[in-house]
Each structure stands twice: as C-alpha cells, then as structure tokens.
C-alpha cells in the first residue's frame, strides 16, 4: 500500500512538472509576441506565397487604427517587384527586402501607391489651392507603429480647429513631403485616400526628418517614432502609410466632414 501511494505521488509530481514546463514554454513564446501573417497570391506562371513576420516587443500590442493599417495591407496579397526597399545599411549589398505592390492600389511611376477609401463630392483640388486636411500615419515598414491617429477614417461627423492636428497648407508650395502632396492629386473635398509612401525622395529627408517639412505629428510619441524611423541609418524599412482626408479648400474652410461616398467598408478591413 505504501509503495502504491509512493508511485502515485511520483506520477503526480511528474505530471505537475510537465504542466509547469508547458506553461513556461507558452509564456516564453507569447512574450516574444511574434505575429505571423501568410499572404497567398497567384502569379501568371504559378501559385506563390509569402510568409511575412512582424516581431513585436514584449508586452506591445497593436490596437485600433494600427491593426487596421496592417490588416488592410496584408488582406490583399502583395506581389514582389525586382528591386529592393532602400535601407541605408544594406545599400550595395544585394540583400534586403523586396519592394511590394498591392493589387487594389494604384501604382504610380514614382513608386507611390494609393487607393480611395471615400470619394468626395465637393470641389476638385488644384495646384495652388489652400487646403484643410486631416491625416493619420503609421510606420508600416517598422512594426506598424502609430505616428498620428485619431481614427477619423472610420466615419462620423466632427468639428474642430486647425489646432487639433488638422493641416493647412498650399498645394505645390513644398510645405509637405512630396509623397503626401503627390497622393492628393485628383482628390475632391470630402474624399479620404490611403497612401503608401516608399523610402527615398517621396518621404521625409533622412537628415532633418520632420523638422523642416510636414506633416508634423501632434503628439510627442508620434514625433519620437517618426524621428527614429526617418533618420535611422540601419537596416530599417522606412515605408509609411498615410490616411489623408480633404476637408476643405480656401482660407475659410472648416474642420468638418464633407459629403462623400465610402468605397471601402472600414468596419470590415481584415
């Protein structure tokens, strides 16, 4: 009887030990916060798949608009171009990350990609116009971190002043980075456009960042993130995503959403 109880005790201890080891292993993997996304696409010759991994710092999670930005870009399978993403420390090495294009985005000759989330019904934007714009931004090439976000692209009316993060500038006056202004061509008041700006001449300067050109984030955290990414000389993808909403044209424009038609369901961007 004593031997039987002793054997049962050893078995219980081994069982508890196995459960404890499993829990520790699970915690170890979860603390690494590895987010894996598999995107499948069809080429003209054969089926291809790309395995994309986002390694997130411990205890960091992507919520709200940042998740939306990543999900939208991974929802439609990207196809790789022959060239590499410009990353300072990898220049000339022949290694790195392939540039990707997204099938539902318009691809311009300069590498800029965009799609309309909402088509405006107001006045057509022209060069030289003074505009009032709202914007969101994310470092989609670097962990999908938030640069500027108020989730206004999800809908709803609002009013405010230019002191609440809205931008007032003149189109063509080089007050904003080239990719930001270039992407707005053809927009109408009330429209919202999502833009992917690659590293290089369309993006922020690597020496001064946002210090001499806009748009400038309103929050300290956004400024710190953008400064780190744009001025980093390491193997880092500086691709940015912007949501741009054209609120008005002219000095008297008010920060109020104008009529438009949604072409993307922002509640179902998985």
Protein backbone atom coordinates (compact mmCIF):
# COMPACT_ATOMS: atom_id res chain seq x y z
CA UNK A 1 0.00 0.00 0.00
CA UNK A 2 2.82 2.36 0.90
CA UNK A 3 4.65 1.55 -2.36
CA UNK A 4 1.49 2.19 -4.34
CA UNK A 5 0.97 5.62 -2.72
CA UNK A 6 4.62 6.47 -3.33
CA UNK A 7 4.32 5.64 -7.03
CA UNK A 8 1.18 7.75 -7.29
CA UNK A 9 2.99 10.66 -5.61
CA UNK A 10 5.87 10.44 -8.11
CA UNK A 11 3.44 10.34 -11.00
CA UNK A 12 1.62 13.40 -9.65
CA UNK A 13 4.90 15.29 -9.30
CA UNK A 14 5.95 14.41 -12.86
CA UNK A 15 2.54 15.48 -14.16
CA UNK A 16 2.76 18.85 -12.34
CA UNK A 17 6.31 19.30 -13.61
CA UNK A 18 5.22 18.69 -17.22
CA UNK A 19 2.33 21.15 -16.86
CA UNK A 20 4.64 23.80 -15.37
CA UNK A 21 7.17 23.34 -18.19
CA UNK A 22 4.42 23.66 -20.80
CA UNK A 23 3.14 26.88 -19.21
CA UNK A 24 6.63 28.39 -19.07
CA UNK A 25 7.22 27.46 -22.71
CA UNK A 26 3.90 29.01 -23.71
CA UNK A 27 4.72 32.21 -21.83
CA UNK A 28 8.14 32.33 -23.46
CA UNK A 29 6.63 32.17 -26.93
CA UNK A 30 3.87 34.67 -26.14
CA UNK A 31 6.30 37.18 -24.63
CA UNK A 32 8.17 37.26 -27.94
CA UNK A 33 4.89 38.45 -29.45
CA UNK A 34 5.54 37.02 -32.87
CA UNK A 35 2.79 37.89 -35.28
CA UNK A 36 2.86 35.75 -38.40
CA UNK A 37 0.82 36.56 -41.47
CA UNK A 38 0.73 34.33 -44.55
CA UNK A 39 -0.39 36.04 -47.73
CA UNK A 40 -1.15 33.93 -50.81
CA UNK A 41 -1.32 35.21 -54.35
CA UNK A 42 -1.39 33.95 -57.91
CA UNK A 43 1.25 34.90 -60.44
CA UNK A 44 0.99 34.43 -64.20
CA UNK A 45 3.02 31.22 -64.00
CA UNK A 46 2.30 29.51 -60.72
CA UNK A 47 0.87 29.95 -57.23
CA UNK A 48 3.19 31.76 -54.85
CA UNK A 49 3.06 32.52 -51.16
CA UNK A 50 4.88 34.99 -48.97
CA UNK A 51 5.45 34.47 -45.28
CA UNK A 52 5.57 37.81 -43.53
CA UNK A 53 6.65 38.06 -39.90
CA UNK A 54 6.26 41.05 -37.59
CA UNK A 55 8.38 40.66 -34.43
CA UNK A 56 6.81 42.82 -31.75
CA UNK A 57 8.50 43.90 -28.48
CA UNK A 58 7.34 42.23 -25.27
CA UNK A 59 4.01 43.48 -23.93
CA UNK A 60 3.42 45.58 -27.05
CA UNK A 61 0.14 45.04 -28.88
CA UNK A 62 -1.29 46.75 -31.94
CA UNK A 63 -4.75 48.13 -31.42
CA UNK A 64 -7.33 50.19 -33.24
CA UNK A 65 -6.09 52.02 -36.29
CA UNK A 66 -2.64 50.43 -36.28
CA UNK A 67 -4.19 46.96 -36.58
CA UNK A 68 -6.44 48.25 -39.35
CA UNK A 69 -3.47 49.62 -41.27
CA UNK A 70 -1.57 46.32 -41.07
CA UNK A 71 -4.64 44.22 -41.78
CA UNK A 72 -5.58 46.19 -44.88
CA UNK A 73 -2.10 45.84 -46.33
CA UNK A 74 -1.99 42.08 -45.67
CA UNK A 75 -5.57 41.41 -46.72
CA UNK A 76 -4.77 41.67 -50.42
CA UNK A 77 -1.70 39.58 -51.28
CA UNK A 78 1.27 41.69 -52.39
CA UNK A 79 3.47 40.73 -55.31
CA UNK A 80 7.18 41.43 -55.14
CA UNK A 81 8.99 43.74 -57.52
CA UNK A 82 12.53 43.01 -58.66
CA UNK A 83 14.04 45.91 -56.72
CA UNK A 84 14.79 46.13 -53.00
CA UNK A 85 13.47 48.51 -50.36
CA UNK A 86 16.05 51.23 -49.75
CA UNK A 87 17.62 50.55 -46.34
CA UNK A 88 20.78 52.58 -45.53
CA UNK A 89 22.99 49.86 -44.08
CA UNK A 90 22.15 47.37 -46.85
CA UNK A 91 22.83 49.58 -49.86
CA UNK A 92 25.08 47.90 -52.38
CA UNK A 93 24.97 44.52 -50.66
CA UNK A 94 22.40 42.93 -52.95
CA UNK A 95 20.40 41.69 -49.98
CA UNK A 96 17.35 43.07 -48.23
CA UNK A 97 13.58 43.21 -48.53
CA UNK A 98 11.78 43.22 -51.86
CA UNK A 99 9.52 46.14 -52.69
CA UNK A 100 5.88 45.01 -52.73
CA UNK A 101 2.87 46.27 -54.62
CA UNK A 102 -0.77 45.79 -53.60
CA UNK A 103 -3.28 44.75 -56.31
CA UNK A 104 -6.10 47.04 -55.17
CA UNK A 105 -3.87 50.12 -55.02
CA UNK A 106 -3.00 52.48 -57.87
CA UNK A 107 0.77 52.29 -58.50
CA UNK A 108 2.35 55.45 -59.88
CA UNK A 109 5.58 55.56 -61.87
CA UNK A 110 7.45 57.09 -58.92
CA UNK A 111 6.60 54.11 -56.66
CA UNK A 112 3.75 55.79 -54.75
CA UNK A 113 0.70 53.58 -54.09
CA UNK A 114 -2.77 54.76 -53.11
CA UNK A 115 -6.44 53.86 -53.04
CA UNK A 116 -9.57 55.83 -52.26
CA UNK A 117 -11.42 54.87 -49.09
CA UNK A 118 -14.03 57.57 -49.63
CA UNK A 119 -14.72 59.56 -52.80
CA UNK A 120 -15.52 63.19 -52.16
CA UNK A 121 -18.44 65.01 -53.76
CA UNK A 122 -17.05 68.52 -53.45
CA UNK A 123 -14.67 70.77 -55.34
CA UNK A 124 -11.77 69.19 -57.24
CA UNK A 125 -8.35 70.00 -55.80
CA UNK A 126 -6.00 72.10 -57.94
CA UNK A 127 -2.34 73.08 -57.62
CA UNK A 128 -2.01 76.34 -55.69
CA UNK A 129 -5.15 75.74 -53.61
CA UNK A 130 -5.01 76.39 -49.88
CA UNK A 131 -6.31 73.22 -48.26
CA UNK A 132 -7.51 71.97 -44.90
CA UNK A 133 -6.58 68.32 -44.32
CA UNK A 134 -6.88 65.71 -41.60
CA UNK A 135 -4.43 62.81 -41.52
CA UNK A 136 -3.31 59.57 -39.89
CA UNK A 137 0.11 57.94 -40.31
CA UNK A 138 1.79 54.62 -39.46
CA UNK A 139 5.26 53.16 -39.89
CA UNK A 140 4.07 50.08 -41.77
CA UNK A 141 7.64 49.13 -42.66
CA UNK A 142 8.64 49.13 -38.98
CA UNK A 143 6.30 47.28 -36.60
CA UNK A 144 3.19 49.24 -37.69
CA UNK A 145 3.70 51.93 -35.06
CA UNK A 146 1.41 54.93 -34.80
CA UNK A 147 2.73 58.31 -35.91
CA UNK A 148 -0.58 60.16 -35.98
CA UNK A 149 -4.01 58.63 -35.38
CA UNK A 150 -7.49 59.77 -34.44
CA UNK A 151 -9.47 57.05 -36.22
CA UNK A 152 -11.45 59.66 -38.15
CA UNK A 153 -11.42 57.48 -41.27
CA UNK A 154 -13.93 55.16 -39.59
CA UNK A 155 -16.73 57.67 -40.12
CA UNK A 156 -18.86 60.08 -38.13
CA UNK A 157 -19.16 63.86 -38.14
CA UNK A 158 -16.87 66.08 -36.15
CA UNK A 159 -15.89 69.72 -35.87
CA UNK A 160 -12.74 71.34 -34.63
CA UNK A 161 -10.00 73.84 -35.34
CA UNK A 162 -6.63 73.66 -37.06
CA UNK A 163 -5.06 73.48 -33.59
CA UNK A 164 -6.40 69.95 -33.13
CA UNK A 165 -3.95 68.38 -35.56
CA UNK A 166 -5.51 69.47 -38.84
CA UNK A 167 -3.18 70.74 -41.56
CA UNK A 168 -3.45 73.96 -43.52
CA UNK A 169 -1.04 74.35 -46.43
CA UNK A 170 -0.82 75.35 -50.08
CA UNK A 171 -0.67 72.61 -52.69
CA UNK A 172 2.58 72.75 -54.64
CA UNK A 173 4.37 75.01 -52.15
CA UNK A 174 6.61 72.17 -50.86
CA UNK A 175 5.32 72.51 -47.31
CA UNK A 176 4.63 68.77 -47.12
CA UNK A 177 6.73 65.79 -48.20
CA UNK A 178 6.40 65.08 -51.95
CA UNK A 179 4.59 61.77 -51.44
CA UNK A 180 1.89 63.42 -49.30
CA UNK A 181 1.14 66.15 -51.86
CA UNK A 182 1.52 63.88 -54.88
CA UNK A 183 -1.03 61.45 -53.46
CA UNK A 184 -3.65 64.20 -53.13
CA UNK A 185 -3.78 64.95 -56.86
CA UNK A 186 -7.29 64.37 -58.19
CA UNK A 187 -8.99 64.40 -54.78
CA UNK A 188 -12.28 66.18 -54.17
CA UNK A 189 -13.48 67.77 -50.94
CA UNK A 190 -14.89 65.03 -48.70
CA UNK A 191 -12.52 62.36 -50.03
CA UNK A 192 -10.25 60.10 -47.98
CA UNK A 193 -7.23 58.46 -49.60
CA UNK A 194 -4.90 55.80 -48.18
CA UNK A 195 -1.31 56.16 -49.35
CA UNK A 196 1.84 54.01 -49.16
CA UNK A 197 4.96 56.20 -49.37
CA UNK A 198 8.23 54.33 -50.04
CA UNK A 199 11.62 55.39 -48.66
CA UNK A 200 13.51 57.91 -50.76
CA UNK A 201 12.70 61.27 -52.35
CA UNK A 202 8.93 60.97 -51.74
CA UNK A 203 9.45 60.50 -47.99
CA UNK A 204 10.90 62.62 -45.17
CA UNK A 205 14.56 63.69 -45.52
CA UNK A 206 16.91 61.34 -43.65
CA UNK A 207 18.99 64.19 -42.23
CA UNK A 208 16.29 66.50 -40.85
CA UNK A 209 13.18 64.31 -40.71
CA UNK A 210 10.06 66.37 -39.99
CA UNK A 211 11.96 69.37 -38.60
CA UNK A 212 11.83 71.32 -41.86
CA UNK A 213 8.86 69.80 -43.66
CA UNK A 214 5.41 68.44 -42.83
CA UNK A 215 3.24 66.84 -41.89
CA UNK A 216 4.42 67.04 -38.28
CA UNK A 217 2.85 64.70 -35.69
CA UNK A 218 0.98 66.44 -32.87
CA UNK A 219 1.91 64.02 -30.06
CA UNK A 220 5.36 63.54 -28.54
CA UNK A 221 5.19 59.77 -29.05
CA UNK A 222 4.43 60.20 -32.75
CA UNK A 223 7.28 62.65 -33.18
CA UNK A 224 9.72 60.31 -31.43
CA UNK A 225 8.62 57.34 -33.56
CA UNK A 226 8.82 59.25 -36.83
CA UNK A 227 12.18 60.78 -35.96
CA UNK A 228 13.65 57.36 -35.10
CA UNK A 229 12.42 55.74 -38.31
CA UNK A 230 13.19 58.51 -40.82
CA UNK A 231 16.69 59.29 -39.51
CA UNK A 232 17.78 55.72 -38.77
CA UNK A 233 20.84 54.55 -40.73
CA UNK A 234 20.36 50.84 -40.04
CA UNK A 235 18.58 48.02 -41.87
CA UNK A 236 15.14 49.52 -41.42
CA UNK A 237 12.22 49.84 -43.84
CA UNK A 238 11.06 53.47 -43.74
CA UNK A 239 7.85 52.90 -45.71
CA UNK A 240 4.97 54.96 -44.30
CA UNK A 241 1.20 54.72 -44.62
CA UNK A 242 -0.99 57.84 -44.60
CA UNK A 243 -4.75 58.34 -44.49
CA UNK A 244 -5.48 61.77 -45.95
CA UNK A 245 -8.89 63.47 -45.73
CA UNK A 246 -9.56 66.63 -47.71
CA UNK A 247 -11.86 68.71 -45.51
CA UNK A 248 -11.91 71.96 -47.45
CA UNK A 249 -10.31 74.40 -49.86
CA UNK A 250 -9.66 78.08 -49.18
CA UNK A 251 -8.95 80.26 -46.16
CA UNK A 252 -12.50 79.88 -44.83
CA UNK A 253 -12.52 76.06 -44.83
CA UNK A 254 -13.84 74.48 -41.62
CA UNK A 255 -12.70 71.25 -39.99
CA UNK A 256 -15.95 69.42 -40.68
CA UNK A 257 -16.50 66.24 -42.68
CA UNK A 258 -17.98 66.97 -46.08
CA UNK A 259 -20.27 64.80 -48.27
CA UNK A 260 -18.72 61.76 -49.88
CA UNK A 261 -19.26 58.09 -50.72
CA UNK A 262 -17.45 55.29 -48.89
CA UNK A 263 -15.93 52.74 -51.26
CA UNK A 264 -14.21 50.68 -48.54
CA UNK A 265 -16.03 49.20 -45.53
CA UNK A 266 -13.83 50.44 -42.66
CA UNK A 267 -15.58 48.08 -40.24
CA UNK A 268 -14.54 45.04 -42.24
CA UNK A 269 -10.90 45.68 -43.16
CA UNK A 270 -9.41 42.35 -42.12
